[in-house]
Amino acid sequence: MMLDSDLVRRAGHAGHDLVGWLMWDQPAISRFADLGVPNGAGWLIAWRLAPLGAVSPAAAAAATYSIAPHVVEAVMGLYRAVTDEDAITAARDDSIVVGLAEVAPGLGGHLAELADDLWRGADAVHAGARPMFAATRAAPRPQDPILSAWLAANCLRELRADNHWALCAAEDLDGVEVGLLHAAMVEEREYDGQEWIARSRGHDDTAIAAGWARLAAKGLADGHRLNDAGRDFRLELERRTDAATAPAWAAVGREATTNFCAAVGPYHDMLLARINATAGPRWMPAMRSNDR
């Protein structure tokens, strides 16, 4: 039985909330640095790429979609010079339970009860054209229930991301265009315009100009600004992303999905404050969406 769209939307937001803090977690970055990576540079990309294993930078960039390929290649070059993907994954896993206890005291206990339900959702859907999801799901599952639940929730988050990128690819949107379109999902005044998200992914002036030109040719922008059609298109893309991910949450079940949202939701402000403190007030725009 499919779940209502609002519950699926809330579950997607909860997944972003639960995972986002790790990208700038200083103890996690220190563990990454201990592997030999200078200053732990690129951690926020490295731990997500690690489950893919020994893929080429081009394949990894295709999977991440919105991050400039040269950034992905540079990060992979840094960590492959001194360590491997298994060690990075171990650093991630060593960071989650202790880190979650620090940034969101009490949340881990609520999550632990949902591990089996969340994995049931991840196991219920196919992995076709979903590389990040497939790699994350295929990894060994830990015995620790908090870590297991977090990894299952992250797996569902990667499923949602892969679904989103598949829809973007079907609409012939490149990595720059999707960053520019994401401006429709946040408060523009907080981002000083509509280009910050795309630029934060490593895209330069030339790429940004080309992205605007492609959006304008599709009727989604006027000059260097999204128009009403562009904003409506992006909102509909979000709805379609939720719809594509809904079967997994249906397998999790209405009660468990509701409990997941209820467990994570009260910690949103606390988790966002952690990102503001460690990264800055614009990072992790998925946690700042105006459709909450």
C-alpha atoms as a PDB file:
ATOM      1  CA  MET A   1       0.000   0.000   0.000  1.00  0.00           C
ATOM      2  CA  MET A   2       1.494   3.314  -1.108  1.00  0.00           C
ATOM      3  CA  LEU A   3       1.960   6.092   1.432  1.00  0.00           C
ATOM      4  CA  ASP A   4       0.573   9.580   1.081  1.00  0.00           C
ATOM      5  CA  SER A   5       2.876  12.043  -0.635  1.00  0.00           C
ATOM      6  CA  ASP A   6       3.277  14.270   2.418  1.00  0.00           C
ATOM      7  CA  LEU A   7       4.659  11.420   4.519  1.00  0.00           C
ATOM      8  CA  VAL A   8       7.096  10.443   1.756  1.00  0.00           C
ATOM      9  CA  ARG A   9       8.213  14.066   1.476  1.00  0.00           C
ATOM     10  CA  ARG A  10       8.773  14.272   5.236  1.00  0.00           C
ATOM     11  CA  ALA A  11      10.753  11.030   5.199  1.00  0.00           C
ATOM     12  CA  GLY A  12      13.018  12.473   2.526  1.00  0.00           C
ATOM     13  CA  HIS A  13      13.652  15.539   4.650  1.00  0.00           C
ATOM     14  CA  ALA A  14      14.355  13.364   7.694  1.00  0.00           C
ATOM     15  CA  GLY A  15      16.968  11.458   5.716  1.00  0.00           C
ATOM     16  CA  HIS A  16      18.775  14.670   4.806  1.00  0.00           C
ATOM     17  CA  ASP A  17      18.649  15.825   8.426  1.00  0.00           C
ATOM     18  CA  LEU A  18      20.060  12.573   9.729  1.00  0.00           C
ATOM     19  CA  VAL A  19      23.004  12.456   7.333  1.00  0.00           C
ATOM     20  CA  GLY A  20      24.013  16.066   6.672  1.00  0.00           C
ATOM     21  CA  TRP A  21      25.988  16.753   9.843  1.00  0.00           C
ATOM     22  CA  LEU A  22      28.545  14.036   9.005  1.00  0.00           C
ATOM     23  CA  MET A  23      29.806  15.906   5.951  1.00  0.00           C
ATOM     24  CA  TRP A  24      31.487  18.558   8.122  1.00  0.00           C
ATOM     25  CA  ASP A  25      31.951  16.612  11.357  1.00  0.00           C
ATOM     26  CA  GLN A  26      35.377  17.556  12.684  1.00  0.00           C
ATOM     27  CA  PRO A  27      36.161  14.233  14.418  1.00  0.00           C
ATOM     28  CA  ALA A  28      35.257  12.408  11.191  1.00  0.00           C
ATOM     29  CA  ILE A  29      37.482  14.750   9.198  1.00  0.00           C
ATOM     30  CA  SER A  30      40.289  14.081  11.680  1.00  0.00           C
ATOM     31  CA  ARG A  31      39.894  10.327  11.176  1.00  0.00           C
ATOM     32  CA  PHE A  32      40.095  10.913   7.427  1.00  0.00           C
ATOM     33  CA  ALA A  33      43.210  13.026   7.908  1.00  0.00           C
ATOM     34  CA  ASP A  34      44.739  10.249  10.009  1.00  0.00           C
ATOM     35  CA  LEU A  35      44.611   8.078   6.884  1.00  0.00           C
ATOM     36  CA  GLY A  36      47.132  10.452   5.347  1.00  0.00           C
ATOM     37  CA  VAL A  37      44.844  12.847   3.492  1.00  0.00           C
ATOM     38  CA  PRO A  38      46.196  16.399   3.988  1.00  0.00           C
ATOM     39  CA  ASN A  39      43.921  18.244   6.429  1.00  0.00           C
ATOM     40  CA  GLY A  40      41.184  15.710   5.702  1.00  0.00           C
ATOM     41  CA  ALA A  41      40.392  17.637   2.509  1.00  0.00           C
ATOM     42  CA  GLY A  42      37.405  16.403   0.546  1.00  0.00           C
ATOM     43  CA  TRP A  43      35.816  14.345   3.320  1.00  0.00           C
ATOM     44  CA  LEU A  44      32.260  15.390   2.426  1.00  0.00           C
ATOM     45  CA  ILE A  45      32.744  13.837  -1.022  1.00  0.00           C
ATOM     46  CA  ALA A  46      35.068  10.972  -0.118  1.00  0.00           C
ATOM     47  CA  TRP A  47      32.819   9.112   2.305  1.00  0.00           C
ATOM     48  CA  ARG A  48      29.959   9.116  -0.186  1.00  0.00           C
ATOM     49  CA  LEU A  49      32.165   7.883  -3.028  1.00  0.00           C
ATOM     50  CA  ALA A  50      33.875   5.173  -0.992  1.00  0.00           C
ATOM     51  CA  PRO A  51      31.116   2.540  -1.365  1.00  0.00           C
ATOM     52  CA  LEU A  52      31.567   2.715  -5.153  1.00  0.00           C
ATOM     53  CA  GLY A  53      34.992   1.122  -4.768  1.00  0.00           C
ATOM     54  CA  ALA A  54      37.671   1.351  -7.433  1.00  0.00           C
ATOM     55  CA  VAL A  55      35.663   3.202 -10.074  1.00  0.00           C
ATOM     56  CA  SER A  56      37.126   5.823 -12.379  1.00  0.00           C
ATOM     57  CA  PRO A  57      36.746   9.508 -11.505  1.00  0.00           C
ATOM     58  CA  ALA A  58      34.549   9.909 -14.581  1.00  0.00           C
ATOM     59  CA  ALA A  59      32.156   7.231 -13.346  1.00  0.00           C
ATOM     60  CA  ALA A  60      32.149   8.705  -9.842  1.00  0.00           C
ATOM     61  CA  ALA A  61      31.410  12.180 -11.209  1.00  0.00           C
ATOM     62  CA  ALA A  62      28.538  10.777 -13.240  1.00  0.00           C
ATOM     63  CA  ALA A  63      27.104   9.220 -10.077  1.00  0.00           C
ATOM     64  CA  THR A  64      27.365  12.413  -8.038  1.00  0.00           C
ATOM     65  CA  TYR A  65      25.965  14.350 -11.032  1.00  0.00           C
ATOM     66  CA  SER A  66      25.965  17.920  -9.727  1.00  0.00           C
ATOM     67  CA  ILE A  67      29.583  18.091  -8.500  1.00  0.00           C
ATOM     68  CA  ALA A  68      32.045  19.376 -11.086  1.00  0.00           C
ATOM     69  CA  PRO A  69      34.073  16.447 -12.477  1.00  0.00           C
ATOM     70  CA  HIS A  70      37.387  18.150 -11.780  1.00  0.00           C
ATOM     71  CA  VAL A  71      36.465  18.394  -8.086  1.00  0.00           C
ATOM     72  CA  VAL A  72      35.622  14.694  -7.915  1.00  0.00           C
ATOM     73  CA  GLU A  73      38.860  13.800  -9.689  1.00  0.00           C
ATOM     74  CA  ALA A  74      40.910  15.982  -7.334  1.00  0.00           C
ATOM     75  CA  VAL A  75      39.352  14.489  -4.195  1.00  0.00           C
ATOM     76  CA  MET A  76      39.817  10.941  -5.434  1.00  0.00           C
ATOM     77  CA  GLY A  77      43.413  11.721  -6.315  1.00  0.00           C
ATOM     78  CA  LEU A  78      44.067  12.959  -2.789  1.00  0.00           C
ATOM     79  CA  TYR A  79      42.753   9.916  -0.997  1.00  0.00           C
ATOM     80  CA  ARG A  80      43.896   7.284  -3.474  1.00  0.00           C
ATOM     81  CA  ALA A  81      47.454   8.512  -3.084  1.00  0.00           C
ATOM     82  CA  VAL A  82      47.484   7.493   0.585  1.00  0.00           C
ATOM     83  CA  THR A  83      44.582   5.167   1.442  1.00  0.00           C
ATOM     84  CA  ASP A  84      41.687   3.158   0.026  1.00  0.00           C
ATOM     85  CA  GLU A  85      37.912   3.106   0.006  1.00  0.00           C
ATOM     86  CA  ASP A  86      37.591   0.455   2.719  1.00  0.00           C
ATOM     87  CA  ALA A  87      39.569   2.589   5.161  1.00  0.00           C
ATOM     88  CA  ILE A  88      37.418   5.613   4.359  1.00  0.00           C
ATOM     89  CA  THR A  89      34.257   3.606   4.966  1.00  0.00           C
ATOM     90  CA  ALA A  90      35.663   2.430   8.292  1.00  0.00           C
ATOM     91  CA  ALA A  91      36.380   6.049   9.260  1.00  0.00           C
ATOM     92  CA  ARG A  92      32.793   6.908   8.414  1.00  0.00           C
ATOM     93  CA  ASP A  93      31.400   4.046  10.467  1.00  0.00           C
ATOM     94  CA  ASP A  94      33.624   4.909  13.429  1.00  0.00           C
ATOM     95  CA  SER A  95      32.224   8.450  13.362  1.00  0.00           C
ATOM     96  CA  ILE A  96      28.496   7.854  13.266  1.00  0.00           C
ATOM     97  CA  VAL A  97      27.373   6.505  16.633  1.00  0.00           C
ATOM     98  CA  VAL A  98      29.675   8.685  18.726  1.00  0.00           C
ATOM     99  CA  GLY A  99      29.046  11.707  16.508  1.00  0.00           C
ATOM    100  CA  LEU A 100      25.294  11.313  16.563  1.00  0.00           C
ATOM    101  CA  ALA A 101      25.343  11.078  20.347  1.00  0.00           C
ATOM    102  CA  GLU A 102      27.166  14.400  20.450  1.00  0.00           C
ATOM    103  CA  VAL A 103      25.141  16.347  17.892  1.00  0.00           C
ATOM    104  CA  ALA A 104      21.699  14.868  18.651  1.00  0.00           C
ATOM    105  CA  PRO A 105      21.631  13.281  22.120  1.00  0.00           C
ATOM    106  CA  GLY A 106      18.959  10.604  22.392  1.00  0.00           C
ATOM    107  CA  LEU A 107      18.259  10.261  18.673  1.00  0.00           C
ATOM    108  CA  GLY A 108      20.318   7.100  18.290  1.00  0.00           C
ATOM    109  CA  GLY A 109      18.113   5.154  20.662  1.00  0.00           C
ATOM    110  CA  HIS A 110      15.014   5.989  18.643  1.00  0.00           C
ATOM    111  CA  LEU A 111      16.743   5.042  15.400  1.00  0.00           C
ATOM    112  CA  ALA A 112      17.964   1.690  16.682  1.00  0.00           C
ATOM    113  CA  GLU A 113      14.407   0.419  16.875  1.00  0.00           C
ATOM    114  CA  LEU A 114      13.870   1.159  13.171  1.00  0.00           C
ATOM    115  CA  ALA A 115      16.913  -0.508  11.612  1.00  0.00           C
ATOM    116  CA  ASP A 116      15.108  -3.595  10.310  1.00  0.00           C
ATOM    117  CA  ASP A 117      12.218  -1.525   8.965  1.00  0.00           C
ATOM    118  CA  LEU A 118      14.524   0.840   7.093  1.00  0.00           C
ATOM    119  CA  TRP A 119      16.538  -2.001   5.561  1.00  0.00           C
ATOM    120  CA  ARG A 120      13.309  -3.673   4.498  1.00  0.00           C
ATOM    121  CA  GLY A 121      12.533  -0.576   2.457  1.00  0.00           C
ATOM    122  CA  ALA A 122      15.999  -0.498   0.926  1.00  0.00           C
ATOM    123  CA  ASP A 123      15.803  -4.183   0.021  1.00  0.00           C
ATOM    124  CA  ALA A 124      12.367  -3.886  -1.569  1.00  0.00           C
ATOM    125  CA  VAL A 125      13.345  -1.911  -4.675  1.00  0.00           C
ATOM    126  CA  HIS A 126      15.597  -2.650  -7.641  1.00  0.00           C
ATOM    127  CA  ALA A 127      19.001  -1.051  -8.126  1.00  0.00           C
ATOM    128  CA  GLY A 128      18.825  -0.403 -11.866  1.00  0.00           C
ATOM    129  CA  ALA A 129      20.394   2.966 -12.819  1.00  0.00           C
ATOM    130  CA  ARG A 130      20.893   3.689  -9.105  1.00  0.00           C
ATOM    131  CA  PRO A 131      24.663   3.422  -8.601  1.00  0.00           C
ATOM    132  CA  MET A 132      25.072   5.155  -5.245  1.00  0.00           C
ATOM    133  CA  PHE A 133      22.113   3.292  -3.790  1.00  0.00           C
ATOM    134  CA  ALA A 134      23.305  -0.044  -5.167  1.00  0.00           C
ATOM    135  CA  ALA A 135      26.818   0.368  -3.782  1.00  0.00           C
ATOM    136  CA  THR A 136      25.561   1.526  -0.390  1.00  0.00           C
ATOM    137  CA  ARG A 137      23.065  -1.309  -0.096  1.00  0.00           C
ATOM    138  CA  ALA A 138      25.623  -3.962  -1.065  1.00  0.00           C
ATOM    139  CA  ALA A 139      27.998  -3.087   1.778  1.00  0.00           C
ATOM    140  CA  PRO A 140      28.170  -5.348   4.865  1.00  0.00           C
ATOM    141  CA  ARG A 141      25.615  -4.484   7.513  1.00  0.00           C
ATOM    142  CA  PRO A 142      26.864  -3.899  11.050  1.00  0.00           C
ATOM    143  CA  GLN A 143      25.548  -5.455  14.231  1.00  0.00           C
ATOM    144  CA  ASP A 144      25.285  -2.145  16.087  1.00  0.00           C
ATOM    145  CA  PRO A 145      21.613  -1.171  15.726  1.00  0.00           C
ATOM    146  CA  ILE A 146      22.227   2.589  15.737  1.00  0.00           C
ATOM    147  CA  LEU A 147      24.887   2.368  13.058  1.00  0.00           C
ATOM    148  CA  SER A 148      22.761  -0.065  11.074  1.00  0.00           C
ATOM    149  CA  ALA A 149      19.734   2.228  11.194  1.00  0.00           C
ATOM    150  CA  TRP A 150      21.804   5.248  10.158  1.00  0.00           C
ATOM    151  CA  LEU A 151      23.302   3.339   7.229  1.00  0.00           C
ATOM    152  CA  ALA A 152      19.859   2.120   6.158  1.00  0.00           C
ATOM    153  CA  ALA A 153      18.505   5.664   6.263  1.00  0.00           C
ATOM    154  CA  ASN A 154      21.506   6.847   4.261  1.00  0.00           C
ATOM    155  CA  CYS A 155      20.852   4.070   1.758  1.00  0.00           C
ATOM    156  CA  LEU A 156      17.297   5.348   1.292  1.00  0.00           C
ATOM    157  CA  ARG A 157      18.667   8.872   0.943  1.00  0.00           C
ATOM    158  CA  GLU A 158      21.017   7.701  -1.803  1.00  0.00           C
ATOM    159  CA  LEU A 159      18.059   5.996  -3.475  1.00  0.00           C
ATOM    160  CA  ARG A 160      16.203   9.284  -3.504  1.00  0.00           C
ATOM    161  CA  ALA A 161      19.250  11.071  -4.902  1.00  0.00           C
ATOM    162  CA  ASP A 162      19.718   8.505  -7.673  1.00  0.00           C
ATOM    163  CA  ASN A 163      16.034   8.791  -8.548  1.00  0.00           C
ATOM    164  CA  HIS A 164      16.364  12.560  -8.700  1.00  0.00           C
ATOM    165  CA  TRP A 165      19.393  12.396 -10.979  1.00  0.00           C
ATOM    166  CA  ALA A 166      17.660   9.902 -13.258  1.00  0.00           C
ATOM    167  CA  LEU A 167      14.776  12.329 -13.661  1.00  0.00           C
ATOM    168  CA  CYS A 168      17.201  15.188 -14.277  1.00  0.00           C
ATOM    169  CA  ALA A 169      19.038  13.169 -16.916  1.00  0.00           C
ATOM    170  CA  ALA A 170      15.749  12.336 -18.622  1.00  0.00           C
ATOM    171  CA  GLU A 171      15.070  16.082 -18.837  1.00  0.00           C
ATOM    172  CA  ASP A 172      18.540  16.670 -20.386  1.00  0.00           C
ATOM    173  CA  LEU A 173      19.728  18.721 -17.412  1.00  0.00           C
ATOM    174  CA  ASP A 174      23.464  18.834 -16.811  1.00  0.00           C
ATOM    175  CA  GLY A 175      25.233  19.217 -13.481  1.00  0.00           C
ATOM    176  CA  VAL A 176      25.276  23.002 -13.658  1.00  0.00           C
ATOM    177  CA  GLU A 177      21.613  23.309 -14.584  1.00  0.00           C
ATOM    178  CA  VAL A 178      20.493  21.201 -11.639  1.00  0.00           C
ATOM    179  CA  GLY A 179      22.461  23.427  -9.271  1.00  0.00           C
ATOM    180  CA  LEU A 180      20.897  26.559 -10.713  1.00  0.00           C
ATOM    181  CA  LEU A 181      17.424  25.042 -10.570  1.00  0.00           C
ATOM    182  CA  HIS A 182      17.915  24.130  -6.914  1.00  0.00           C
ATOM    183  CA  ALA A 183      17.739  27.850  -6.159  1.00  0.00           C
ATOM    184  CA  ALA A 184      13.973  27.470  -6.504  1.00  0.00           C
ATOM    185  CA  MET A 185      13.958  25.278  -3.392  1.00  0.00           C
ATOM    186  CA  VAL A 186      15.584  27.727  -0.961  1.00  0.00           C
ATOM    187  CA  GLU A 187      15.136  31.319   0.146  1.00  0.00           C
ATOM    188  CA  GLU A 188      17.024  33.360  -2.441  1.00  0.00           C
ATOM    189  CA  ARG A 189      17.901  36.177  -0.053  1.00  0.00           C
ATOM    190  CA  GLU A 190      19.756  33.705   2.162  1.00  0.00           C
ATOM    191  CA  TYR A 191      21.889  32.608  -0.802  1.00  0.00           C
ATOM    192  CA  ASP A 192      22.613  36.025  -2.274  1.00  0.00           C
ATOM    193  CA  GLY A 193      21.078  35.115  -5.623  1.00  0.00           C
ATOM    194  CA  GLN A 194      20.519  31.956  -7.623  1.00  0.00           C
ATOM    195  CA  GLU A 195      24.058  30.781  -8.406  1.00  0.00           C
ATOM    196  CA  TRP A 196      25.586  29.899  -5.035  1.00  0.00           C
ATOM    197  CA  ILE A 197      24.524  26.247  -5.016  1.00  0.00           C
ATOM    198  CA  ALA A 198      25.927  25.557  -8.481  1.00  0.00           C
ATOM    199  CA  ARG A 199      29.146  27.403  -7.658  1.00  0.00           C
ATOM    200  CA  SER A 200      29.533  25.495  -4.391  1.00  0.00           C
ATOM    201  CA  ARG A 201      29.765  22.322  -6.485  1.00  0.00           C
ATOM    202  CA  GLY A 202      32.863  23.665  -8.221  1.00  0.00           C
ATOM    203  CA  HIS A 203      31.397  25.201 -11.376  1.00  0.00           C
ATOM    204  CA  ASP A 204      33.134  28.339 -12.669  1.00  0.00           C
ATOM    205  CA  ASP A 205      31.873  31.450 -14.475  1.00  0.00           C
ATOM    206  CA  THR A 206      32.049  29.833 -17.898  1.00  0.00           C
ATOM    207  CA  ALA A 207      30.123  26.770 -16.782  1.00  0.00           C
ATOM    208  CA  ILE A 208      27.530  28.904 -14.985  1.00  0.00           C
ATOM    209  CA  ALA A 209      26.953  31.041 -18.081  1.00  0.00           C
ATOM    210  CA  ALA A 210      26.548  27.921 -20.201  1.00  0.00           C
ATOM    211  CA  GLY A 211      24.100  26.510 -17.660  1.00  0.00           C
ATOM    212  CA  TRP A 212      21.947  29.617 -17.802  1.00  0.00           C
ATOM    213  CA  ALA A 213      21.982  29.475 -21.596  1.00  0.00           C
ATOM    214  CA  ARG A 214      20.805  25.860 -21.560  1.00  0.00           C
ATOM    215  CA  LEU A 215      18.013  26.653 -19.105  1.00  0.00           C
ATOM    216  CA  ALA A 216      16.941  29.651 -21.185  1.00  0.00           C
ATOM    217  CA  ALA A 217      16.802  27.465 -24.294  1.00  0.00           C
ATOM    218  CA  LYS A 218      14.438  25.159 -22.405  1.00  0.00           C
ATOM    219  CA  GLY A 219      12.230  28.096 -21.406  1.00  0.00           C
ATOM    220  CA  LEU A 220      13.169  27.754 -17.725  1.00  0.00           C
ATOM    221  CA  ALA A 221      15.205  30.956 -17.310  1.00  0.00           C
ATOM    222  CA  ASP A 222      15.272  34.522 -18.557  1.00  0.00           C
ATOM    223  CA  GLY A 223      18.859  35.636 -18.813  1.00  0.00           C
ATOM    224  CA  HIS A 224      20.610  34.635 -15.604  1.00  0.00           C
ATOM    225  CA  ARG A 225      17.487  34.079 -13.521  1.00  0.00           C
ATOM    226  CA  LEU A 226      14.921  31.334 -13.197  1.00  0.00           C
ATOM    227  CA  ASN A 227      11.504  32.335 -14.455  1.00  0.00           C
ATOM    228  CA  ASP A 228       8.129  31.114 -13.199  1.00  0.00           C
ATOM    229  CA  ALA A 229       8.260  28.133 -15.544  1.00  0.00           C
ATOM    230  CA  GLY A 230      11.674  27.200 -14.159  1.00  0.00           C
ATOM    231  CA  ARG A 231      10.516  27.400 -10.570  1.00  0.00           C
ATOM    232  CA  ASP A 232       7.375  25.390 -11.302  1.00  0.00           C
ATOM    233  CA  PHE A 233       9.438  22.830 -13.191  1.00  0.00           C
ATOM    234  CA  ARG A 234      11.795  22.377 -10.241  1.00  0.00           C
ATOM    235  CA  LEU A 235       8.954  21.988  -7.761  1.00  0.00           C
ATOM    236  CA  GLU A 236       7.355  19.366  -9.983  1.00  0.00           C
ATOM    237  CA  LEU A 237      10.705  17.598 -10.267  1.00  0.00           C
ATOM    238  CA  GLU A 238      10.778  17.377  -6.479  1.00  0.00           C
ATOM    239  CA  ARG A 239       7.298  15.880  -6.452  1.00  0.00           C
ATOM    240  CA  ARG A 240       8.322  13.326  -9.077  1.00  0.00           C
ATOM    241  CA  THR A 241      11.424  12.455  -7.052  1.00  0.00           C
ATOM    242  CA  ASP A 242       9.287  11.718  -4.010  1.00  0.00           C
ATOM    243  CA  ALA A 243       6.920   9.634  -6.133  1.00  0.00           C
ATOM    244  CA  ALA A 244       9.819   7.581  -7.512  1.00  0.00           C
ATOM    245  CA  THR A 245      11.067   6.908  -3.980  1.00  0.00           C
ATOM    246  CA  ALA A 246       7.644   6.156  -2.502  1.00  0.00           C
ATOM    247  CA  PRO A 247       7.752   2.369  -3.132  1.00  0.00           C
ATOM    248  CA  ALA A 248      10.710   2.011  -0.774  1.00  0.00           C
ATOM    249  CA  TRP A 249       8.943   3.911   1.986  1.00  0.00           C
ATOM    250  CA  ALA A 250       5.817   1.858   1.385  1.00  0.00           C
ATOM    251  CA  ALA A 251       7.933  -1.211   2.116  1.00  0.00           C
ATOM    252  CA  VAL A 252       9.234   0.422   5.291  1.00  0.00           C
ATOM    253  CA  GLY A 253       5.573   0.760   6.213  1.00  0.00           C
ATOM    254  CA  ARG A 254       3.347   3.597   7.312  1.00  0.00           C
ATOM    255  CA  GLU A 255       3.927   3.130  11.034  1.00  0.00           C
ATOM    256  CA  ALA A 256       7.704   2.807  10.809  1.00  0.00           C
ATOM    257  CA  THR A 257       7.992   5.707   8.344  1.00  0.00           C
ATOM    258  CA  THR A 258       5.884   7.864  10.630  1.00  0.00           C
ATOM    259  CA  ASN A 259       8.057   6.856  13.578  1.00  0.00           C
ATOM    260  CA  PHE A 260      11.214   7.668  11.597  1.00  0.00           C
ATOM    261  CA  CYS A 261       9.939  11.156  10.826  1.00  0.00           C
ATOM    262  CA  ALA A 262       8.820  11.617  14.426  1.00  0.00           C
ATOM    263  CA  ALA A 263      12.222  10.526  15.725  1.00  0.00           C
ATOM    264  CA  VAL A 264      14.326  12.778  13.495  1.00  0.00           C
ATOM    265  CA  GLY A 265      12.043  15.786  13.091  1.00  0.00           C
ATOM    266  CA  PRO A 266      12.484  17.305  16.567  1.00  0.00           C
ATOM    267  CA  TYR A 267      16.272  17.354  16.025  1.00  0.00           C
ATOM    268  CA  HIS A 268      16.144  19.360  12.787  1.00  0.00           C
ATOM    269  CA  ASP A 269      17.131  22.692  14.327  1.00  0.00           C
ATOM    270  CA  MET A 270      19.890  21.101  16.391  1.00  0.00           C
ATOM    271  CA  LEU A 271      21.347  19.262  13.390  1.00  0.00           C
ATOM    272  CA  LEU A 272      21.120  22.336  11.188  1.00  0.00           C
ATOM    273  CA  ALA A 273      22.832  24.434  13.852  1.00  0.00           C
ATOM    274  CA  ARG A 274      25.698  21.949  13.836  1.00  0.00           C
ATOM    275  CA  ILE A 275      26.131  22.412  10.078  1.00  0.00           C
ATOM    276  CA  ASN A 276      25.956  26.184  10.448  1.00  0.00           C
ATOM    277  CA  ALA A 277      28.732  25.990  13.032  1.00  0.00           C
ATOM    278  CA  THR A 278      31.012  23.619  11.128  1.00  0.00           C
ATOM    279  CA  ALA A 279      30.376  24.551   7.473  1.00  0.00           C
ATOM    280  CA  GLY A 280      28.417  27.788   7.321  1.00  0.00           C
ATOM    281  CA  PRO A 281      24.835  29.005   6.949  1.00  0.00           C
ATOM    282  CA  ARG A 282      24.296  27.999   3.306  1.00  0.00           C
ATOM    283  CA  TRP A 283      25.645  24.464   3.180  1.00  0.00           C
ATOM    284  CA  MET A 284      23.388  21.410   2.923  1.00  0.00           C
ATOM    285  CA  PRO A 285      20.623  23.294   1.094  1.00  0.00           C
ATOM    286  CA  ALA A 286      18.506  20.128   1.164  1.00  0.00           C
ATOM    287  CA  MET A 287      17.995  20.832   4.878  1.00  0.00           C
ATOM    288  CA  ARG A 288      16.915  24.404   4.132  1.00  0.00           C
ATOM    289  CA  SER A 289      14.193  23.676   1.575  1.00  0.00           C
ATOM    290  CA  ASN A 290      11.222  26.001   1.526  1.00  0.00           C
ATOM    291  CA  ASP A 291       8.826  23.052   1.118  1.00  0.00           C
ATOM    292  CA  ARG A 292       9.216  21.893   4.725  1.00  0.00           C
END
